[in-house]
Amino acid sequence: MSEITLRQLQYYVSVIDHGSVTAAAAACHISQAAASMAVGQLEKAVGADLLIRTRSKKVVPTPAGLGFAAHARAILERVAEASDAVSESLAEMRGALRIGCSHTLSPRLVPALVDHFVSNHPLVDVGFREAAPSALQDDVRNGRLDMALVYEQQSDDDLERVRIATVRLHVVLPAGHALAGRSSIGLAEIAEEPAILLDIPPTVERLTAVMRSAGLEPRIRWTSGNMETIRSMVARGLGYSFVNSPPATGSTYEGGEVVFIPVADRTAANAIVAMLPPGQRAPRRVGAAIEFLRETERDCRVVA
């Protein structure tokens, strides 16, 4: 096997991330010819086609190329970690921190986490992606993300799971609802009302299972992929919803008000978790992010 260089790995990963040699070359501040040559030399070194070139100049990784990309990212990450280890000061932490977060958790976790790194670790380049839990965990597997923040009930068994905080299912009701002043609500008390549920898999299926476990059948009237839309509809008195992660305020986009009341029924335990690549030592940046999130959630006194 010919010698493989870190530059070749870097350019190859950039091609995968940007979808074309041209875009990767621009991102790496090199010529297109240099990027194309590096990838060609890499394919020759490993003895396999890593990319499929299309007429539109876009590239798609072959199955072998996708697997190789995950290894390439791991190698580049370890080299960066070795460089960072020269300094023992966390204040000098540097490098890229790639975070994935589910849509419902992102407003709760991402702003404070990004602000923390910008303020305390400015040499860390924080990037985040919001998507469905399944897509985020796929990105952890293929090395596109350092970690994914999801609910434990949405987590996959083949990834490493680190618990951030426990959560409890809450009912979302209009502020003027007859049950709005309660400290907790039984599922049977709202089962006959219209349900407005989040249409991001597997949310509807799991919430339906929760109701059925209590011997109830939810009357699902509407679904939406936008939680702000759901809250505004609830505030108008059109139905109720559920959240695991209530925001700090019940104000909606329209200026309406909703309340978040814990479910009294016993439901399956759930938690916010960080999903990590299995069998790998997490970079210090990831450890620092997890520790910050744990401290933040502890300060917020998450309901168990």
Protein backbone atom coordinates (compact mmCIF):
# COMPACT_ATOMS: atom_id res chain seq x y z
CA MET A 1 0.00 0.00 0.00
CA SER A 2 1.32 3.46 -0.88
CA GLU A 3 1.76 6.04 1.85
CA ILE A 4 -1.40 7.82 2.96
CA THR A 5 -1.02 11.41 4.12
CA LEU A 6 -3.10 13.46 6.51
CA ARG A 7 -3.66 16.03 3.76
CA GLN A 8 -5.23 13.36 1.57
CA LEU A 9 -7.54 12.36 4.41
CA GLN A 10 -8.42 15.99 5.11
CA TYR A 11 -9.26 16.74 1.48
CA TYR A 12 -11.21 13.49 1.10
CA VAL A 13 -13.37 14.20 4.15
CA SER A 14 -13.97 17.72 2.86
CA VAL A 15 -15.15 16.30 -0.48
CA ILE A 16 -17.58 14.04 1.36
CA ASP A 17 -18.87 16.91 3.48
CA HIS A 18 -19.27 19.40 0.61
CA GLY A 19 -20.51 16.99 -2.04
CA SER A 20 -18.06 18.01 -4.75
CA VAL A 21 -14.36 18.39 -5.38
CA THR A 22 -14.86 22.03 -6.40
CA ALA A 23 -16.59 22.98 -3.15
CA ALA A 24 -14.08 21.03 -1.08
CA ALA A 25 -11.18 22.74 -2.79
CA ALA A 26 -12.67 26.15 -2.05
CA ALA A 27 -13.24 25.22 1.60
CA CYS A 28 -9.65 23.98 1.93
CA HIS A 29 -8.23 26.99 0.02
CA ILE A 30 -6.53 24.84 -2.61
CA SER A 31 -6.97 24.39 -6.33
CA GLN A 32 -9.53 21.96 -7.70
CA ALA A 33 -6.72 20.10 -9.43
CA ALA A 34 -4.84 19.66 -6.16
CA ALA A 35 -7.92 18.35 -4.38
CA SER A 36 -8.73 15.96 -7.24
CA MET A 37 -5.16 14.71 -7.33
CA ALA A 38 -5.09 14.11 -3.58
CA VAL A 39 -8.29 12.06 -3.70
CA GLY A 40 -7.02 10.09 -6.68
CA GLN A 41 -3.77 9.31 -4.86
CA LEU A 42 -5.77 8.22 -1.82
CA GLU A 43 -7.91 5.85 -3.88
CA LYS A 44 -4.75 4.40 -5.42
CA ALA A 45 -3.17 4.00 -1.97
CA VAL A 46 -6.14 2.07 -0.54
CA GLY A 47 -6.74 0.16 -3.76
CA ALA A 48 -10.44 0.94 -4.04
CA ASP A 49 -12.83 3.46 -5.55
CA LEU A 50 -14.01 5.73 -2.77
CA LEU A 51 -16.16 8.13 -4.79
CA ILE A 52 -18.65 7.96 -7.64
CA ARG A 53 -18.31 10.99 -9.93
CA THR A 54 -21.54 12.20 -11.59
CA ARG A 55 -22.05 14.30 -14.70
CA SER A 56 -23.17 17.22 -12.53
CA LYS A 57 -19.71 17.19 -10.91
CA LYS A 58 -21.25 16.03 -7.65
CA VAL A 59 -19.70 13.07 -5.88
CA VAL A 60 -21.27 10.24 -3.91
CA PRO A 61 -19.23 7.94 -1.66
CA THR A 62 -19.17 4.27 -2.52
CA PRO A 63 -20.00 1.85 0.33
CA ALA A 64 -16.26 1.42 0.83
CA GLY A 65 -15.79 5.19 0.67
CA LEU A 66 -18.42 5.82 3.32
CA GLY A 67 -16.78 3.39 5.72
CA PHE A 68 -13.35 4.80 4.96
CA ALA A 69 -14.60 8.33 5.68
CA ALA A 70 -15.52 7.35 9.23
CA HIS A 71 -12.02 6.01 9.82
CA ALA A 72 -10.48 9.08 8.20
CA ARG A 73 -12.44 11.39 10.49
CA ALA A 74 -11.35 9.38 13.52
CA ILE A 75 -7.69 9.64 12.49
CA LEU A 76 -7.92 13.39 11.91
CA GLU A 77 -9.67 13.80 15.27
CA ARG A 78 -6.99 11.83 17.10
CA VAL A 79 -4.24 13.92 15.49
CA ALA A 80 -6.02 17.08 16.57
CA GLU A 81 -6.37 15.68 20.09
CA ALA A 82 -2.66 14.86 20.21
CA SER A 83 -1.88 18.43 19.24
CA ASP A 84 -4.27 19.81 21.82
CA ALA A 85 -2.73 17.60 24.52
CA VAL A 86 0.44 19.69 24.39
CA SER A 87 -1.48 22.25 26.40
CA GLU A 88 -3.06 21.10 29.64
CA SER A 89 -5.14 24.25 30.03
CA LEU A 90 -8.83 23.85 29.19
CA ALA A 91 -8.86 27.60 28.49
CA GLU A 92 -6.78 26.81 25.41
CA MET A 93 -9.05 24.06 24.16
CA ARG A 94 -9.36 24.26 20.39
CA GLY A 95 -10.64 22.42 17.35
CA ALA A 96 -14.05 21.66 15.85
CA LEU A 97 -17.01 20.56 17.97
CA ARG A 98 -19.79 19.14 15.81
CA ILE A 99 -23.06 18.77 17.68
CA GLY A 100 -26.36 17.32 16.53
CA CYS A 101 -29.57 18.06 18.39
CA SER A 102 -33.16 16.98 17.88
CA HIS A 103 -35.57 19.75 16.93
CA THR A 104 -37.42 19.71 20.22
CA LEU A 105 -34.28 19.77 22.39
CA SER A 106 -32.31 22.29 20.36
CA PRO A 107 -33.96 25.47 21.76
CA ARG A 108 -33.31 24.21 25.27
CA LEU A 109 -29.69 23.09 24.87
CA VAL A 110 -27.94 24.65 21.88
CA PRO A 111 -28.03 28.43 22.57
CA ALA A 112 -26.50 28.15 26.05
CA LEU A 113 -23.95 25.58 24.91
CA VAL A 114 -22.77 27.68 21.96
CA ASP A 115 -22.62 30.78 24.15
CA HIS A 116 -20.55 28.90 26.73
CA PHE A 117 -17.91 27.91 24.20
CA VAL A 118 -17.84 31.31 22.50
CA SER A 119 -17.33 32.98 25.88
CA ASN A 120 -15.00 30.48 27.56
CA HIS A 121 -13.32 28.51 24.77
CA PRO A 122 -13.17 30.85 21.77
CA LEU A 123 -10.68 28.63 19.92
CA VAL A 124 -13.26 25.85 19.70
CA ASP A 125 -15.20 26.07 16.44
CA VAL A 126 -18.73 25.01 17.43
CA GLY A 127 -21.14 23.90 14.75
CA PHE A 128 -24.56 22.31 15.20
CA ARG A 129 -27.13 20.49 13.10
CA GLU A 130 -30.81 20.06 13.89
CA ALA A 131 -32.54 16.97 12.52
CA ALA A 132 -34.56 13.89 13.44
CA PRO A 133 -32.91 11.61 16.03
CA SER A 134 -32.36 8.80 13.52
CA ALA A 135 -30.52 11.07 11.07
CA LEU A 136 -28.37 12.56 13.82
CA GLN A 137 -27.33 9.15 15.10
CA ASP A 138 -26.44 8.09 11.57
CA ASP A 139 -24.17 11.14 11.42
CA VAL A 140 -22.49 10.05 14.66
CA ARG A 141 -21.88 6.61 13.15
CA ASN A 142 -20.30 7.97 9.98
CA GLY A 143 -18.24 10.55 11.83
CA ARG A 144 -20.02 13.71 10.69
CA LEU A 145 -20.97 14.57 14.27
CA ASP A 146 -19.04 14.29 17.52
CA MET A 147 -22.24 13.72 19.48
CA ALA A 148 -26.01 13.83 19.11
CA LEU A 149 -28.37 15.13 21.80
CA VAL A 150 -31.66 13.22 21.81
CA TYR A 151 -34.14 11.71 24.21
CA GLU A 152 -33.19 8.32 25.59
CA GLN A 153 -36.35 6.72 24.22
CA GLN A 154 -35.16 7.76 20.74
CA SER A 155 -31.63 6.42 21.20
CA ASP A 156 -30.06 3.48 19.33
CA ASP A 157 -28.35 0.64 21.18
CA ASP A 158 -25.20 0.48 19.07
CA LEU A 159 -23.94 3.94 20.11
CA GLU A 160 -22.49 4.97 23.46
CA ARG A 161 -25.07 6.73 25.60
CA VAL A 162 -24.22 9.37 28.23
CA ARG A 163 -27.07 10.66 30.36
CA ILE A 164 -27.41 14.44 30.70
CA ALA A 165 -30.63 14.80 32.71
CA THR A 166 -33.87 12.99 33.41
CA VAL A 167 -37.11 14.43 32.04
CA ARG A 168 -40.79 13.96 32.69
CA LEU A 169 -43.72 14.01 30.28
CA HIS A 170 -45.85 17.18 30.52
CA VAL A 171 -49.27 18.04 29.09
CA VAL A 172 -49.50 21.34 27.19
CA LEU A 173 -52.78 23.17 27.80
CA PRO A 174 -54.12 26.66 27.09
CA ALA A 175 -53.58 29.00 30.02
CA GLY A 176 -57.34 29.39 30.41
CA HIS A 177 -58.09 25.65 30.50
CA ALA A 178 -60.10 24.35 33.45
CA LEU A 179 -57.16 22.10 34.47
CA ALA A 180 -54.46 24.74 33.96
CA GLY A 181 -53.94 25.32 37.67
CA ARG A 182 -53.31 21.68 38.56
CA SER A 183 -49.96 20.40 39.83
CA SER A 184 -50.36 17.24 37.74
CA ILE A 185 -52.89 15.78 35.33
CA GLY A 186 -54.06 12.23 34.71
CA LEU A 187 -54.15 11.13 31.09
CA ALA A 188 -57.80 10.11 31.43
CA GLU A 189 -58.69 13.74 32.22
CA ILE A 190 -57.67 15.00 28.78
CA ALA A 191 -58.13 11.87 26.64
CA GLU A 192 -61.45 13.02 25.13
CA GLU A 193 -60.03 16.34 23.97
CA PRO A 194 -58.36 16.81 20.56
CA ALA A 195 -54.64 16.02 20.55
CA ILE A 196 -52.14 18.07 18.51
CA LEU A 197 -48.93 16.06 18.29
CA LEU A 198 -45.44 16.60 16.97
CA ASP A 199 -44.99 14.90 13.61
CA ILE A 200 -41.33 13.92 13.99
CA PRO A 201 -40.87 10.13 14.19
CA PRO A 202 -41.26 8.33 16.48
CA THR A 203 -43.10 10.96 18.58
CA VAL A 204 -46.68 10.18 17.52
CA GLU A 205 -46.13 6.44 17.90
CA ARG A 206 -44.58 6.77 21.37
CA LEU A 207 -47.24 9.16 22.68
CA THR A 208 -49.98 6.95 21.31
CA ALA A 209 -48.36 4.01 23.12
CA VAL A 210 -48.29 6.04 26.35
CA MET A 211 -52.03 6.68 26.10
CA ARG A 212 -52.83 3.10 25.21
CA SER A 213 -50.78 1.80 28.13
CA ALA A 214 -53.26 3.69 30.32
CA GLY A 215 -56.19 2.05 28.48
CA LEU A 216 -56.93 5.20 26.48
CA GLU A 217 -57.07 6.04 22.78
CA PRO A 218 -55.89 9.55 21.85
CA ARG A 219 -58.08 11.64 19.56
CA ILE A 220 -55.33 12.90 17.27
CA ARG A 221 -56.80 15.87 15.40
CA TRP A 222 -53.70 17.50 13.94
CA THR A 223 -49.97 16.91 13.70
CA SER A 224 -47.19 19.38 12.93
CA GLY A 225 -43.43 19.27 12.54
CA ASN A 226 -43.12 22.65 14.29
CA MET A 227 -43.56 22.79 18.05
CA GLU A 228 -44.19 26.55 17.95
CA THR A 229 -47.15 25.94 15.65
CA ILE A 230 -48.48 23.35 18.08
CA ARG A 231 -48.15 25.67 21.08
CA SER A 232 -49.96 28.46 19.23
CA MET A 233 -52.80 26.10 18.32
CA VAL A 234 -53.02 24.89 21.92
CA ALA A 235 -53.08 28.49 23.17
CA ARG A 236 -56.11 29.09 20.93
CA GLY A 237 -57.94 26.27 22.70
CA LEU A 238 -57.84 23.88 19.75
CA GLY A 239 -56.52 20.94 21.75
CA TYR A 240 -53.71 19.72 23.98
CA SER A 241 -50.23 18.41 23.34
CA PHE A 242 -47.26 16.84 25.14
CA VAL A 243 -43.66 17.88 25.75
CA ASN A 244 -40.76 16.27 27.59
CA SER A 245 -38.81 19.50 27.68
CA PRO A 246 -40.97 22.49 28.69
CA PRO A 247 -39.53 25.90 27.81
CA ALA A 248 -38.97 28.57 30.44
CA THR A 249 -42.02 30.52 29.29
CA GLY A 250 -45.48 29.61 28.04
CA SER A 251 -45.66 32.56 25.63
CA THR A 252 -46.29 31.59 22.02
CA TYR A 253 -45.22 33.16 18.74
CA GLU A 254 -48.64 34.83 18.48
CA GLY A 255 -48.55 36.18 22.02
CA GLY A 256 -50.84 33.52 23.47
CA GLU A 257 -50.11 31.53 26.64
CA VAL A 258 -49.89 27.85 27.40
CA VAL A 259 -49.04 25.95 30.57
CA PHE A 260 -47.00 22.78 31.06
CA ILE A 261 -48.29 20.34 33.67
CA PRO A 262 -46.62 17.03 34.62
CA VAL A 263 -48.47 13.82 33.73
CA ALA A 264 -49.65 12.08 36.92
CA ASP A 265 -49.69 8.59 35.38
CA ARG A 266 -46.60 6.41 35.64
CA THR A 267 -44.84 6.56 32.28
CA ALA A 268 -41.63 5.04 30.97
CA ALA A 269 -38.47 6.71 32.24
CA ASN A 270 -36.89 9.14 29.83
CA ALA A 271 -33.82 11.36 29.76
CA ILE A 272 -31.76 13.71 27.65
CA VAL A 273 -28.71 11.77 26.44
CA ALA A 274 -25.58 12.43 24.42
CA MET A 275 -24.98 9.74 21.80
CA LEU A 276 -21.30 9.11 21.04
CA PRO A 277 -19.34 6.84 18.70
CA PRO A 278 -18.83 3.46 20.42
CA GLY A 279 -15.41 2.36 21.56
CA GLN A 280 -13.73 5.74 21.13
CA ARG A 281 -12.31 8.14 23.66
CA ALA A 282 -14.33 11.33 23.48
CA PRO A 283 -12.31 14.50 22.73
CA ARG A 284 -11.95 16.97 25.58
CA ARG A 285 -14.28 19.33 23.75
CA VAL A 286 -17.06 16.75 23.88
CA GLY A 287 -16.41 16.04 27.56
CA ALA A 288 -16.51 19.75 28.34
CA ALA A 289 -19.81 20.11 26.45
CA ILE A 290 -21.39 17.21 28.33
CA GLU A 291 -20.22 18.55 31.69
CA PHE A 292 -21.62 22.01 30.89
CA LEU A 293 -24.98 20.57 29.86
CA ARG A 294 -25.17 18.49 33.02
CA GLU A 295 -24.42 21.51 35.20
CA THR A 296 -26.91 23.68 33.32
CA GLU A 297 -29.68 21.11 33.59
CA ARG A 298 -28.89 20.58 37.28
CA ASP A 299 -29.21 24.33 37.86
CA CYS A 300 -32.56 24.28 36.06
CA ARG A 301 -33.72 21.57 38.49
CA VAL A 302 -35.06 19.21 35.84
CA VAL A 303 -38.05 17.30 37.18
CA ALA A 304 -37.23 13.58 37.56
